[in-house]
């Protein structure tokens, strides 16, 4: 017949509804936004920079493989690169395994018609 204090308190809390629900999810939403700006976005930028670097490879570039091996690009194909790791020793390497371009190749000489 009489409502206990516990039932009376829960009835009042249920009436507040949408405002309390937003306040409960606000920390979760803030964590997702923080996670995006601190982890996802920088990783996407690094990935785009790496893809651009690999796409711009050309003959004569000095590169570092992900294994740490150094070499000079002698042949550029669609998905693979011919890499000279020693004099007369050429290996095929998948483009995405190149982690860094150390020295860009020399530009092609201009056609000087001095002769």
N, C-alpha and C. Protein backbone atom coordinates (compact mmCIF):
# COMPACT_ATOMS: atom_id res chain seq x y z
N UNK A 1 0.80 -1.18 0.00
CA UNK A 1 0.00 0.00 0.00
C UNK A 1 0.85 1.26 0.00
N UNK A 2 1.87 1.29 0.82
CA UNK A 2 2.75 2.46 0.85
C UNK A 2 3.98 2.17 0.01
N UNK A 3 4.45 3.16 -0.70
CA UNK A 3 5.65 3.00 -1.53
C UNK A 3 6.87 3.17 -0.64
N UNK A 4 7.80 2.28 -0.79
CA UNK A 4 9.04 2.39 -0.02
C UNK A 4 9.91 3.48 -0.65
N UNK A 5 10.87 4.00 0.08
CA UNK A 5 11.72 5.07 -0.48
C UNK A 5 12.46 4.63 -1.74
N UNK A 6 12.84 3.35 -1.85
CA UNK A 6 13.58 2.87 -3.02
C UNK A 6 12.72 2.96 -4.28
N UNK A 7 11.46 2.56 -4.20
CA UNK A 7 10.57 2.66 -5.36
C UNK A 7 10.31 4.11 -5.73
N UNK A 8 10.23 4.95 -4.77
CA UNK A 8 9.95 6.36 -5.04
C UNK A 8 11.14 7.00 -5.76
N UNK A 9 12.36 6.63 -5.43
CA UNK A 9 13.54 7.21 -6.08
C UNK A 9 13.67 6.74 -7.52
N UNK A 10 13.42 5.47 -7.81
CA UNK A 10 13.56 4.97 -9.18
C UNK A 10 12.52 5.56 -10.10
N UNK A 11 11.34 5.86 -9.59
CA UNK A 11 10.31 6.45 -10.43
C UNK A 11 10.72 7.85 -10.85
N UNK A 12 11.37 8.59 -10.00
CA UNK A 12 11.81 9.94 -10.34
C UNK A 12 12.96 9.92 -11.34
N UNK A 13 13.85 8.93 -11.24
CA UNK A 13 15.00 8.84 -12.14
C UNK A 13 14.57 8.45 -13.54
N UNK A 14 13.54 7.65 -13.68
CA UNK A 14 13.07 7.22 -14.99
C UNK A 14 12.44 8.37 -15.74
N UNK A 15 11.95 9.36 -15.04
CA UNK A 15 11.29 10.49 -15.69
C UNK A 15 12.31 11.42 -16.35
N UNK A 16 13.59 11.48 -15.87
CA UNK A 16 14.59 12.38 -16.43
C UNK A 16 15.00 11.95 -17.84
N UNK A 17 15.12 10.68 -18.11
CA UNK A 17 15.31 10.07 -19.42
C UNK A 17 16.43 10.55 -20.32
N UNK A 18 16.10 11.27 -21.39
CA UNK A 18 17.07 11.55 -22.46
C UNK A 18 18.30 12.32 -22.00
N UNK A 19 18.17 13.25 -21.08
CA UNK A 19 19.31 14.03 -20.64
C UNK A 19 20.31 13.15 -19.88
N UNK A 20 19.81 12.26 -19.04
CA UNK A 20 20.70 11.36 -18.32
C UNK A 20 21.37 10.38 -19.25
N UNK A 21 20.68 9.93 -20.27
CA UNK A 21 21.25 8.98 -21.23
C UNK A 21 22.40 9.63 -22.01
N UNK A 22 22.24 10.88 -22.40
CA UNK A 22 23.31 11.59 -23.12
C UNK A 22 24.52 11.74 -22.22
N UNK A 23 24.30 12.08 -20.95
CA UNK A 23 25.41 12.24 -20.03
C UNK A 23 26.13 10.92 -19.76
N UNK A 24 25.43 9.82 -19.83
CA UNK A 24 26.06 8.52 -19.63
C UNK A 24 26.92 8.13 -20.83
N UNK A 25 26.51 8.48 -22.05
CA UNK A 25 27.26 8.11 -23.25
C UNK A 25 28.33 9.13 -23.63
N UNK A 26 28.31 10.30 -23.03
CA UNK A 26 29.27 11.34 -23.35
C UNK A 26 30.73 10.90 -23.15
N UNK A 27 31.11 10.25 -22.06
CA UNK A 27 32.50 9.78 -21.93
C UNK A 27 32.89 8.77 -23.02
N UNK A 28 31.97 7.91 -23.39
CA UNK A 28 32.26 6.94 -24.43
C UNK A 28 32.48 7.63 -25.78
N UNK A 29 31.66 8.61 -26.07
CA UNK A 29 31.80 9.36 -27.32
C UNK A 29 33.13 10.12 -27.33
N UNK A 30 33.49 10.72 -26.21
CA UNK A 30 34.76 11.44 -26.12
C UNK A 30 35.95 10.50 -26.30
N UNK A 31 35.88 9.30 -25.77
CA UNK A 31 36.95 8.32 -25.95
C UNK A 31 37.10 7.93 -27.41
N UNK A 32 36.00 7.74 -28.11
CA UNK A 32 36.06 7.38 -29.53
C UNK A 32 36.70 8.51 -30.33
N UNK A 33 36.33 9.74 -30.06
CA UNK A 33 36.90 10.90 -30.77
C UNK A 33 38.40 11.01 -30.47
N UNK A 34 38.78 10.85 -29.22
CA UNK A 34 40.18 10.90 -28.84
C UNK A 34 40.97 9.78 -29.50
N UNK A 35 40.43 8.59 -29.53
CA UNK A 35 41.07 7.44 -30.17
C UNK A 35 41.29 7.72 -31.66
N UNK A 36 40.32 8.35 -32.31
CA UNK A 36 40.44 8.66 -33.73
C UNK A 36 41.59 9.63 -33.97
N UNK A 37 41.65 10.71 -33.20
CA UNK A 37 42.67 11.72 -33.45
C UNK A 37 44.06 11.31 -32.99
N UNK A 38 44.17 10.42 -32.02
CA UNK A 38 45.49 10.03 -31.53
C UNK A 38 46.03 8.76 -32.19
N UNK A 39 45.17 7.91 -32.75
CA UNK A 39 45.66 6.65 -33.30
C UNK A 39 45.29 6.43 -34.76
N UNK A 40 44.05 6.56 -35.10
CA UNK A 40 43.60 6.20 -36.45
C UNK A 40 44.10 7.20 -37.48
N UNK A 41 43.91 8.49 -37.24
CA UNK A 41 44.28 9.51 -38.22
C UNK A 41 45.79 9.54 -38.50
N UNK A 42 46.66 9.50 -37.48
CA UNK A 42 48.10 9.47 -37.79
C UNK A 42 48.52 8.23 -38.56
N UNK A 43 47.91 7.08 -38.26
CA UNK A 43 48.24 5.86 -38.99
C UNK A 43 47.84 5.98 -40.46
N UNK A 44 46.70 6.58 -40.73
CA UNK A 44 46.26 6.77 -42.12
C UNK A 44 47.22 7.71 -42.86
N UNK A 45 47.71 8.74 -42.19
CA UNK A 45 48.65 9.66 -42.82
C UNK A 45 49.96 8.96 -43.14
N UNK A 46 50.47 8.13 -42.22
CA UNK A 46 51.71 7.39 -42.48
C UNK A 46 51.53 6.42 -43.64
N UNK A 47 50.36 5.77 -43.70
CA UNK A 47 50.10 4.81 -44.76
C UNK A 47 50.05 5.52 -46.12
N UNK A 48 49.41 6.68 -46.19
CA UNK A 48 49.36 7.43 -47.45
C UNK A 48 50.75 7.88 -47.88
N UNK A 49 51.56 8.33 -46.92
CA UNK A 49 52.92 8.77 -47.24
C UNK A 49 53.76 7.60 -47.76
N UNK A 50 53.61 6.42 -47.16
CA UNK A 50 54.35 5.24 -47.61
C UNK A 50 53.90 4.83 -49.01
N UNK A 51 52.60 4.84 -49.28
CA UNK A 51 52.11 4.50 -50.60
C UNK A 51 52.62 5.47 -51.66
N UNK A 52 52.68 6.75 -51.33
CA UNK A 52 53.20 7.74 -52.26
C UNK A 52 54.69 7.50 -52.52
N UNK A 53 55.46 7.20 -51.47
CA UNK A 53 56.88 6.94 -51.62
C UNK A 53 57.12 5.74 -52.51
N UNK A 54 56.36 4.67 -52.30
CA UNK A 54 56.53 3.45 -53.09
C UNK A 54 56.11 3.69 -54.54
N UNK A 55 55.08 4.49 -54.75
CA UNK A 55 54.62 4.77 -56.12
C UNK A 55 55.63 5.61 -56.89
N UNK A 56 56.41 6.43 -56.21
CA UNK A 56 57.37 7.31 -56.86
C UNK A 56 58.76 6.69 -57.01
N UNK A 57 58.91 5.40 -56.72
CA UNK A 57 60.21 4.76 -56.88
C UNK A 57 60.66 4.81 -58.32
N UNK A 58 61.95 5.02 -58.50
CA UNK A 58 62.49 5.00 -59.86
C UNK A 58 63.87 4.38 -59.83
N UNK A 59 64.37 4.11 -61.00
CA UNK A 59 65.66 3.47 -61.15
C UNK A 59 66.75 4.37 -60.57
N UNK A 60 67.66 3.78 -59.81
CA UNK A 60 68.77 4.52 -59.22
C UNK A 60 68.55 4.92 -57.77
N UNK A 61 67.34 4.77 -57.23
CA UNK A 61 67.08 5.11 -55.84
C UNK A 61 67.78 4.14 -54.90
N UNK A 62 68.35 4.65 -53.83
CA UNK A 62 68.91 3.81 -52.77
C UNK A 62 67.80 3.60 -51.75
N UNK A 63 67.48 2.35 -51.43
CA UNK A 63 66.36 2.06 -50.55
C UNK A 63 66.78 1.16 -49.40
N UNK A 64 65.94 1.16 -48.36
CA UNK A 64 66.10 0.27 -47.21
C UNK A 64 64.87 -0.62 -47.16
N UNK A 65 65.08 -1.93 -47.10
CA UNK A 65 63.96 -2.87 -46.99
C UNK A 65 63.52 -2.96 -45.53
N UNK A 66 62.35 -3.53 -45.32
CA UNK A 66 61.84 -3.68 -43.95
C UNK A 66 62.72 -4.61 -43.12
N UNK A 67 63.52 -5.46 -43.78
CA UNK A 67 64.43 -6.35 -43.06
C UNK A 67 65.72 -5.65 -42.68
N UNK A 68 65.94 -4.43 -43.21
CA UNK A 68 67.14 -3.69 -42.90
C UNK A 68 68.18 -3.75 -44.00
N UNK A 69 67.93 -4.51 -45.05
CA UNK A 69 68.88 -4.65 -46.14
C UNK A 69 68.85 -3.39 -47.02
N UNK A 70 70.03 -2.98 -47.47
CA UNK A 70 70.16 -1.81 -48.34
C UNK A 70 70.35 -2.27 -49.77
N UNK A 71 69.88 -1.46 -50.71
CA UNK A 71 70.07 -1.81 -52.11
C UNK A 71 69.77 -0.64 -53.02
N UNK A 72 70.06 -0.84 -54.30
CA UNK A 72 69.84 0.18 -55.31
C UNK A 72 68.82 -0.37 -56.31
N UNK A 73 67.81 0.41 -56.62
CA UNK A 73 66.77 -0.01 -57.55
C UNK A 73 67.35 -0.03 -58.96
N UNK A 74 67.26 -1.19 -59.62
CA UNK A 74 67.73 -1.31 -61.00
C UNK A 74 66.60 -1.55 -61.98
N UNK A 75 65.46 -2.02 -61.48
CA UNK A 75 64.31 -2.30 -62.36
C UNK A 75 63.04 -2.07 -61.57
N UNK A 76 62.09 -1.39 -62.17
CA UNK A 76 60.81 -1.11 -61.51
C UNK A 76 59.72 -1.77 -62.34
N UNK A 77 58.96 -2.66 -61.70
CA UNK A 77 57.84 -3.34 -62.35
C UNK A 77 56.56 -2.93 -61.64
N UNK A 78 55.46 -3.60 -61.99
CA UNK A 78 54.16 -3.23 -61.44
C UNK A 78 54.11 -3.42 -59.93
N UNK A 79 54.36 -4.62 -59.45
CA UNK A 79 54.26 -4.91 -58.02
C UNK A 79 55.61 -5.28 -57.41
N UNK A 80 56.62 -5.42 -58.24
CA UNK A 80 57.94 -5.82 -57.76
C UNK A 80 58.99 -4.82 -58.20
N UNK A 81 60.15 -4.89 -57.52
CA UNK A 81 61.28 -4.02 -57.83
C UNK A 81 62.52 -4.89 -57.89
N UNK A 82 63.34 -4.67 -58.90
CA UNK A 82 64.64 -5.34 -58.96
C UNK A 82 65.63 -4.53 -58.15
N UNK A 83 66.28 -5.16 -57.20
CA UNK A 83 67.16 -4.45 -56.27
C UNK A 83 68.55 -5.05 -56.34
N UNK A 84 69.55 -4.21 -56.57
CA UNK A 84 70.94 -4.67 -56.58
C UNK A 84 71.49 -4.52 -55.17
N UNK A 85 71.76 -5.66 -54.52
CA UNK A 85 72.24 -5.62 -53.14
C UNK A 85 73.76 -5.73 -53.06
N UNK A 86 74.40 -6.18 -54.13
CA UNK A 86 75.85 -6.22 -54.25
C UNK A 86 76.16 -6.14 -55.74
N UNK A 87 77.41 -5.94 -56.08
CA UNK A 87 77.78 -5.83 -57.49
C UNK A 87 77.45 -7.12 -58.21
N UNK A 88 76.54 -7.04 -59.17
CA UNK A 88 76.15 -8.20 -59.96
C UNK A 88 75.11 -9.09 -59.30
N UNK A 89 74.63 -8.74 -58.10
CA UNK A 89 73.62 -9.55 -57.41
C UNK A 89 72.32 -8.75 -57.36
N UNK A 90 71.31 -9.25 -58.10
CA UNK A 90 70.02 -8.56 -58.16
C UNK A 90 68.95 -9.49 -57.61
N UNK A 91 68.08 -8.95 -56.77
CA UNK A 91 66.97 -9.72 -56.22
C UNK A 91 65.67 -8.99 -56.52
N UNK A 92 64.58 -9.76 -56.59
CA UNK A 92 63.26 -9.17 -56.75
C UNK A 92 62.65 -8.96 -55.38
N UNK A 93 62.06 -7.80 -55.18
CA UNK A 93 61.48 -7.44 -53.90
C UNK A 93 60.09 -6.89 -54.15
N UNK A 94 59.15 -7.23 -53.29
CA UNK A 94 57.81 -6.66 -53.39
C UNK A 94 57.89 -5.20 -52.96
N UNK A 95 57.24 -4.34 -53.72
CA UNK A 95 57.33 -2.89 -53.49
C UNK A 95 56.98 -2.48 -52.06
N UNK A 96 55.96 -3.08 -51.50
CA UNK A 96 55.50 -2.65 -50.17
C UNK A 96 56.48 -3.00 -49.05
N UNK A 97 57.48 -3.83 -49.34
CA UNK A 97 58.47 -4.18 -48.33
C UNK A 97 59.58 -3.14 -48.22
N UNK A 98 59.53 -2.12 -49.06
CA UNK A 98 60.51 -1.03 -48.97
C UNK A 98 60.03 -0.07 -47.89
N UNK A 99 60.89 0.16 -46.91
CA UNK A 99 60.47 0.99 -45.78
C UNK A 99 60.94 2.44 -45.91
N UNK A 100 62.01 2.67 -46.68
CA UNK A 100 62.54 4.03 -46.75
C UNK A 100 63.35 4.21 -48.02
N UNK A 101 63.28 5.39 -48.60
CA UNK A 101 64.13 5.74 -49.73
C UNK A 101 65.20 6.68 -49.18
N UNK A 102 66.45 6.22 -49.23
CA UNK A 102 67.54 7.00 -48.65
C UNK A 102 67.99 8.13 -49.58
N UNK A 103 68.43 7.77 -50.79
CA UNK A 103 68.96 8.75 -51.73
C UNK A 103 68.21 8.59 -53.03
N UNK A 104 67.65 9.69 -53.50
CA UNK A 104 66.96 9.65 -54.78
C UNK A 104 67.98 9.52 -55.89
N UNK A 105 67.57 8.85 -56.97
CA UNK A 105 68.45 8.67 -58.13
C UNK A 105 68.73 10.01 -58.80
N UNK A 106 69.83 10.04 -59.53
CA UNK A 106 70.20 11.25 -60.25
C UNK A 106 69.20 11.53 -61.36
N UNK A 107 68.87 12.79 -61.60
CA UNK A 107 67.96 13.08 -62.70
C UNK A 107 68.62 12.76 -64.03
N UNK A 108 67.82 12.45 -65.02
CA UNK A 108 68.34 12.13 -66.34
C UNK A 108 68.99 13.37 -66.93
N UNK A 109 70.16 13.20 -67.58
CA UNK A 109 70.84 14.38 -68.14
C UNK A 109 70.03 14.96 -69.29
N UNK A 110 70.12 16.26 -69.44
CA UNK A 110 69.41 16.93 -70.52
C UNK A 110 70.09 16.62 -71.84
N UNK A 111 69.37 16.66 -72.93
CA UNK A 111 69.93 16.39 -74.25
C UNK A 111 70.67 17.63 -74.74
N UNK A 112 71.94 17.66 -74.44
CA UNK A 112 72.76 18.77 -74.91
C UNK A 112 73.36 18.37 -76.25
N UNK A 113 73.11 19.14 -77.25
CA UNK A 113 73.63 18.79 -78.59
C UNK A 113 74.90 19.60 -78.84
N UNK A 114 75.95 19.26 -78.07
CA UNK A 114 77.23 19.96 -78.21
C UNK A 114 78.11 19.30 -79.24
N UNK A 115 77.81 18.08 -79.65
CA UNK A 115 78.70 17.41 -80.59
C UNK A 115 78.41 17.71 -82.02
